[in-house]
Protein backbone atom coordinates (compact mmCIF):
# COMPACT_ATOMS: atom_id res chain seq x y z
CA UNK A 1 0.07 0.09 0.15
CA UNK A 2 2.61 2.28 0.85
CA UNK A 3 4.26 2.04 -2.58
CA UNK A 4 1.16 2.42 -3.96
CA UNK A 5 0.16 5.43 -2.53
CA UNK A 6 4.02 7.13 -3.06
CA UNK A 7 3.15 6.54 -7.04
CA UNK A 8 -0.65 7.89 -6.93
CA UNK A 9 -0.91 10.54 -4.09
CA UNK A 10 0.57 13.83 -4.15
CA UNK A 11 3.49 14.81 -1.64
CA UNK A 12 1.96 16.11 1.27
CA UNK A 13 -1.15 13.65 1.03
CA UNK A 14 1.32 10.85 1.01
CA UNK A 15 2.83 12.02 4.23
CA UNK A 16 -0.20 11.78 5.88
CA UNK A 17 -1.00 8.66 4.47
CA UNK A 18 2.14 7.24 5.36
CA UNK A 19 1.48 8.43 9.11
CA UNK A 20 -1.57 6.27 9.09
CA UNK A 21 0.00 3.20 7.70
CA UNK A 22 2.73 3.48 10.40
CA UNK A 23 0.26 4.10 13.09
CA UNK A 24 -1.74 1.05 11.79
CA UNK A 25 1.19 -1.17 12.41
CA UNK A 26 2.36 -0.05 15.71
CA UNK A 27 -0.48 0.92 17.25
CA UNK A 28 -3.97 -0.57 16.27
CA UNK A 29 -4.94 -3.65 17.83
CA UNK A 30 -7.76 -5.83 16.81
CA UNK A 31 -10.34 -6.39 19.89
CA UNK A 32 -13.00 -8.25 17.90
CA UNK A 33 -14.56 -9.56 14.68
CA UNK A 34 -18.35 -10.52 14.17
CA UNK A 35 -19.38 -11.69 10.49
CA UNK A 36 -22.77 -10.82 9.35
CA UNK A 37 -23.05 -12.08 5.81
CA UNK A 38 -21.00 -10.56 3.83
CA UNK A 39 -20.38 -7.54 6.00
CA UNK A 40 -17.63 -7.90 8.62
CA UNK A 41 -17.96 -5.85 11.55
CA UNK A 42 -14.41 -5.13 13.44
CA UNK A 43 -13.66 -3.53 16.63
CA UNK A 44 -9.90 -1.87 16.90
CA UNK A 45 -8.21 0.00 19.79
CA UNK A 46 -5.48 2.46 19.23
CA UNK A 47 -2.99 4.43 21.21
CA UNK A 48 -5.53 6.60 22.60
CA UNK A 49 -7.07 3.68 24.05
CA UNK A 50 -11.17 4.40 21.83
CA UNK A 51 -12.57 1.78 20.42
CA UNK A 52 -13.44 2.29 16.80
CA UNK A 53 -15.70 0.03 14.69
CA UNK A 54 -14.91 -0.81 11.07
CA UNK A 55 -17.62 -2.09 9.32
CA UNK A 56 -16.17 -4.14 5.73
CA UNK A 57 -18.09 -5.59 3.00
CA UNK A 58 -15.76 -8.29 1.92
CA UNK A 59 -17.08 -8.56 -1.73
CA UNK A 60 -16.29 -5.20 -2.65
CA UNK A 61 -13.30 -4.46 0.02
CA UNK A 62 -15.06 -0.90 0.75
CA UNK A 63 -14.73 -0.15 4.59
CA UNK A 64 -16.61 2.62 6.61
CA UNK A 65 -14.78 3.37 10.29
CA UNK A 66 -16.38 5.25 13.16
CA UNK A 67 -13.83 8.13 13.28
CA UNK A 68 -14.85 9.36 9.80
CA UNK A 69 -11.38 10.11 8.80
CA UNK A 70 -11.70 9.15 5.11
CA UNK A 71 -15.13 11.04 4.93
CA UNK A 72 -13.94 13.98 6.29
CA UNK A 73 -10.47 14.43 4.67
CA UNK A 74 -10.34 11.73 2.04
CA UNK A 75 -7.64 9.86 3.18
CA UNK A 76 -7.95 5.92 4.70
CA UNK A 77 -7.53 6.21 8.20
CA UNK A 78 -5.51 3.29 10.19
CA UNK A 79 -8.39 1.31 11.45
CA UNK A 80 -9.50 0.52 7.73
CA UNK A 81 -6.00 -0.02 6.66
CA UNK A 82 -5.55 -2.76 9.67
CA UNK A 83 -8.75 -4.32 8.13
CA UNK A 84 -7.68 -4.49 5.10
CA UNK A 85 -4.39 -6.02 5.81
CA UNK A 86 -6.10 -8.75 7.84
CA UNK A 87 -8.26 -9.39 4.53
CA UNK A 88 -4.60 -9.95 2.55
CA UNK A 89 -5.43 -6.68 0.67
CA UNK A 90 -1.65 -5.52 -0.45
CA UNK A 91 -2.91 -2.60 -2.48
CA UNK A 92 -5.60 0.27 -1.79
CA UNK A 93 -9.03 -0.44 -4.03
CA UNK A 94 -9.47 2.43 -6.15
CA UNK A 95 -12.69 3.50 -3.85
CA UNK A 96 -9.91 5.07 -1.46
CA UNK A 97 -7.94 6.90 -4.15
CA UNK A 98 -9.67 10.22 -4.78
CA UNK A 99 -9.11 12.19 -8.01
CA UNK A 100 -8.64 15.45 -5.96
CA UNK A 101 -5.21 13.93 -4.34
CA UNK A 102 -3.59 12.48 -7.53
CA UNK A 103 -0.35 14.11 -8.81
CA UNK A 104 -2.01 13.73 -12.00
CA UNK A 105 -5.20 15.62 -11.27
CA UNK A 106 -4.85 18.79 -12.93
CA UNK A 107 -3.38 17.31 -16.48
CA UNK A 108 -7.05 16.54 -17.18
CA UNK A 109 -9.26 19.27 -18.59
CA UNK A 110 -12.70 20.08 -16.81
CA UNK A 111 -15.89 19.95 -18.46
CA UNK A 112 -19.52 21.04 -17.40
CA UNK A 113 -22.47 19.11 -16.72
CA UNK A 114 -23.17 19.55 -20.71
CA UNK A 115 -19.62 18.29 -21.91
CA UNK A 116 -18.37 21.59 -22.98
CA UNK A 117 -14.89 22.33 -22.01
CA UNK A 118 -14.35 24.94 -19.37
CA UNK A 119 -11.23 27.20 -20.63
CA UNK A 120 -10.60 30.95 -19.93
CA UNK A 121 -9.46 31.40 -23.77
CA UNK A 122 -8.61 29.15 -25.96
CA UNK A 123 -4.78 29.31 -27.20
CA UNK A 124 -5.51 28.08 -30.76
CA UNK A 125 -8.37 28.20 -33.40
CA UNK A 126 -9.40 24.63 -32.42
CA UNK A 127 -13.35 24.12 -31.49
CA UNK A 128 -14.40 22.51 -28.31
CA UNK A 129 -15.14 19.18 -29.39
CA UNK A 130 -11.55 18.65 -30.96
CA UNK A 131 -9.63 20.27 -28.15
CA UNK A 132 -11.65 17.27 -25.91
CA UNK A 133 -10.83 14.69 -28.39
CA UNK A 134 -7.14 15.47 -27.87
CA UNK A 135 -7.05 15.86 -24.42
CA UNK A 136 -8.49 12.19 -24.17
CA UNK A 137 -6.13 10.91 -26.51
CA UNK A 138 -3.37 12.44 -24.47
CA UNK A 139 -4.54 10.86 -21.26
CA UNK A 140 -5.18 7.79 -22.71
CA UNK A 141 -1.83 7.53 -24.48
CA UNK A 142 -0.13 8.69 -20.93
CA UNK A 143 -2.05 5.92 -19.09
CA UNK A 144 -0.78 3.39 -21.81
CA UNK A 145 2.92 4.69 -21.23
CA UNK A 146 2.43 4.04 -17.42
CA UNK A 147 1.15 0.36 -17.56
CA UNK A 148 3.78 -0.76 -20.32
CA UNK A 149 6.83 0.70 -18.90
CA UNK A 150 7.25 -1.80 -16.28
CA UNK A 151 7.55 -4.57 -19.47
CA UNK A 152 10.25 -4.52 -22.29
CA UNK A 153 7.76 -6.61 -24.51
CA UNK A 154 5.05 -4.06 -23.35
CA UNK A 155 6.90 -1.09 -24.26
CA UNK A 156 7.97 -2.65 -27.86
CA UNK A 157 4.48 -3.77 -28.73
CA UNK A 158 3.27 0.11 -27.51
CA UNK A 159 6.01 1.79 -29.83
CA UNK A 160 5.47 -0.35 -32.79
CA UNK A 161 2.02 0.32 -32.47
CA UNK A 162 2.25 3.85 -32.52
CA UNK A 163 4.47 3.78 -35.04
CA UNK A 164 1.87 1.71 -37.48
CA UNK A 165 -0.72 4.66 -37.40
CA UNK A 166 1.58 7.19 -38.63
CA UNK A 167 1.70 5.88 -42.51
CA UNK A 168 -2.43 5.41 -42.77
CA UNK A 169 -2.85 8.82 -40.69
CA UNK A 170 -0.58 10.60 -43.24
CA UNK A 171 -3.11 9.39 -45.94
CA UNK A 172 -6.04 10.68 -44.35
CA UNK A 173 -4.69 13.53 -43.14
CA UNK A 174 -2.00 15.11 -45.80
CA UNK A 175 0.87 17.76 -44.68
CA UNK A 176 0.06 21.23 -46.07
CA UNK A 177 4.12 21.40 -46.57
CA UNK A 178 4.15 24.31 -44.27
CA UNK A 179 7.02 24.06 -41.84
CA UNK A 180 6.33 25.56 -38.06
CA UNK A 181 9.44 27.41 -36.55
CA UNK A 182 10.32 27.40 -33.31
CA UNK A 183 9.04 31.09 -32.70
CA UNK A 184 5.59 29.92 -34.28
CA UNK A 185 5.38 27.26 -31.63
CA UNK A 186 6.14 29.55 -28.60
CA UNK A 187 3.47 32.12 -30.07
CA UNK A 188 0.83 29.67 -30.15
CA UNK A 189 1.69 28.33 -26.40
CA UNK A 190 1.53 31.61 -25.29
CA UNK A 191 -1.38 32.92 -27.33
CA UNK A 192 0.05 35.82 -28.59
CA UNK A 193 2.62 37.49 -30.91
CA UNK A 194 6.40 37.97 -30.12
CA UNK A 195 7.35 41.67 -30.37
CA UNK A 196 10.20 42.65 -32.51
CA UNK A 197 11.08 45.52 -31.01
CA UNK A 198 11.20 45.41 -26.82
CA UNK A 199 10.83 49.07 -25.48
CA UNK A 200 11.12 47.72 -21.48
CA UNK A 201 14.39 46.53 -20.34
CA UNK A 202 15.16 45.41 -17.24
CA UNK A 203 16.79 48.21 -14.59
CA UNK A 204 20.42 49.14 -14.00
CA UNK A 205 22.00 47.48 -11.21
CA UNK A 206 22.57 50.09 -8.20
CA UNK A 207 25.08 49.21 -5.56
CA UNK A 208 23.54 49.87 -2.24
CA UNK A 209 24.63 52.31 0.21
CA UNK A 210 27.07 51.00 2.80
CA UNK A 211 29.60 48.38 3.50
CA UNK A 212 28.57 44.89 2.17
CA UNK A 213 28.52 42.23 4.94
CA UNK A 214 29.82 38.78 3.92
CA UNK A 215 27.80 35.70 5.45
CA UNK A 216 29.03 34.54 8.77
CA UNK A 217 29.50 30.66 9.75
CA UNK A 218 27.96 29.20 12.69
CA UNK A 219 30.85 28.98 14.77
CA UNK A 220 31.70 32.73 14.22
CA UNK A 221 27.99 33.35 15.40
CA UNK A 222 28.18 31.15 18.44
CA UNK A 223 31.45 32.79 19.29
CA UNK A 224 30.08 36.50 19.05
CA UNK A 225 27.29 35.54 21.23
CA UNK A 226 29.67 33.90 23.84
CA UNK A 227 31.48 37.24 24.02
CA UNK A 228 28.27 39.09 24.27
CA UNK A 229 26.94 36.98 27.02
CA UNK A 230 30.52 37.55 29.17
CA UNK A 231 30.38 41.35 28.41
CA UNK A 232 27.02 41.24 30.17
CA UNK A 233 28.22 39.32 33.06
CA UNK A 234 31.14 41.72 33.29
CA UNK A 235 29.13 44.55 33.49
CA UNK A 236 26.90 43.37 36.46
CA UNK A 237 30.05 42.77 38.59
CA UNK A 238 29.37 45.18 41.47
CA UNK A 239 32.39 48.02 41.97
CA UNK A 240 33.28 49.09 45.80
CA UNK A 241 32.58 52.92 46.32
CA UNK A 242 33.17 55.29 49.01
CA UNK A 243 29.83 55.60 51.37
CA UNK A 244 29.45 59.08 52.80
CA UNK A 245 27.59 57.81 56.12
CA UNK A 246 30.01 55.19 57.41
CA UNK A 247 33.23 56.76 55.49
CA UNK A 248 33.92 53.14 54.28
CA UNK A 249 34.63 52.13 51.10
CA UNK A 250 31.80 49.45 50.63
CA UNK A 251 29.44 48.05 48.06
CA UNK A 252 26.53 50.35 49.29
CA UNK A 253 25.86 54.28 49.50
CA UNK A 254 24.67 56.26 51.71
CA UNK A 255 20.91 55.95 50.94
CA UNK A 256 20.91 52.18 51.83
CA UNK A 257 23.74 52.44 54.47
CA UNK A 258 23.47 49.55 57.35
CA UNK A 259 24.75 52.49 60.04
CA UNK A 260 22.05 55.11 58.94
CA UNK A 261 19.21 52.25 59.40
CA UNK A 262 20.53 51.34 62.71
CA UNK A 263 20.35 55.18 63.83
CA UNK A 264 16.83 55.59 62.57
CA UNK A 265 15.77 52.43 64.81
CA UNK A 266 17.66 53.85 67.99
CA UNK A 267 16.02 57.38 67.67
CA UNK A 268 12.48 55.73 67.31
CA UNK A 269 13.03 53.65 70.23
CA UNK A 270 14.09 56.66 72.66
CA UNK A 271 11.29 58.46 71.34
CA UNK A 272 8.94 55.67 72.26
CA UNK A 273 10.10 55.58 75.78
CA UNK A 274 8.07 57.66 78.44
CA UNK A 275 9.64 60.33 80.25
CA UNK A 276 11.44 59.49 83.56
CA UNK A 277 12.10 56.02 82.23
CA UNK A 278 15.32 54.11 82.96
């Protein structure tokens, strides 16, 4: 399943799909299995110790889980993949591969409910029916290449078949003898003519004001940070100074001198004593 998902899903969706595969292998434990005809009901317990119920149709191999991850996001959950593994399913059923998460999702043209090609502006003079046929042929040929690339015999058969089509096709549609140049191909691709004279040019390069700075290595950056931390520590070191109250070289000043506080305490004690007290 992991190999199949890597070839089908986009990179972002495959990462989520791969997490569910790993969780199904490491954390999902089957608690019970019940059979009701072709419907198999499996109860599982995960790492969160919550019980999940998966109902799987053994004929179509389509399962529905009570966690509703596939119905919400469009990615099969770990519980469904664990049940499919118990049914010896090595590949994910096509029901669980949504078109919106495929790598080749944008390679196909979009049509409305009436079969008309939805396109803002046509890049050539072909009508919508012809463009639709071209799109179908391209997609079909790409599917055949993907199918035959795993076998040398298949690729040889596909190559010979495509080359055999060229001769009868030349008889049906004779070439007009007009050769298209590379410029004609570019103009047909962008949908407009390439001008012969170019009036708009890129701006001239101007050197920025100041001295250019080189990109520093991680070692240099770490050394500078250590130097800054060391300077901050040195700045925080206290320096002894002269206190005008106690007249000593200490680490305080007259505002918070201990002797000043002691003197205030003695004055308050004298004020609180009544007259005539010893």
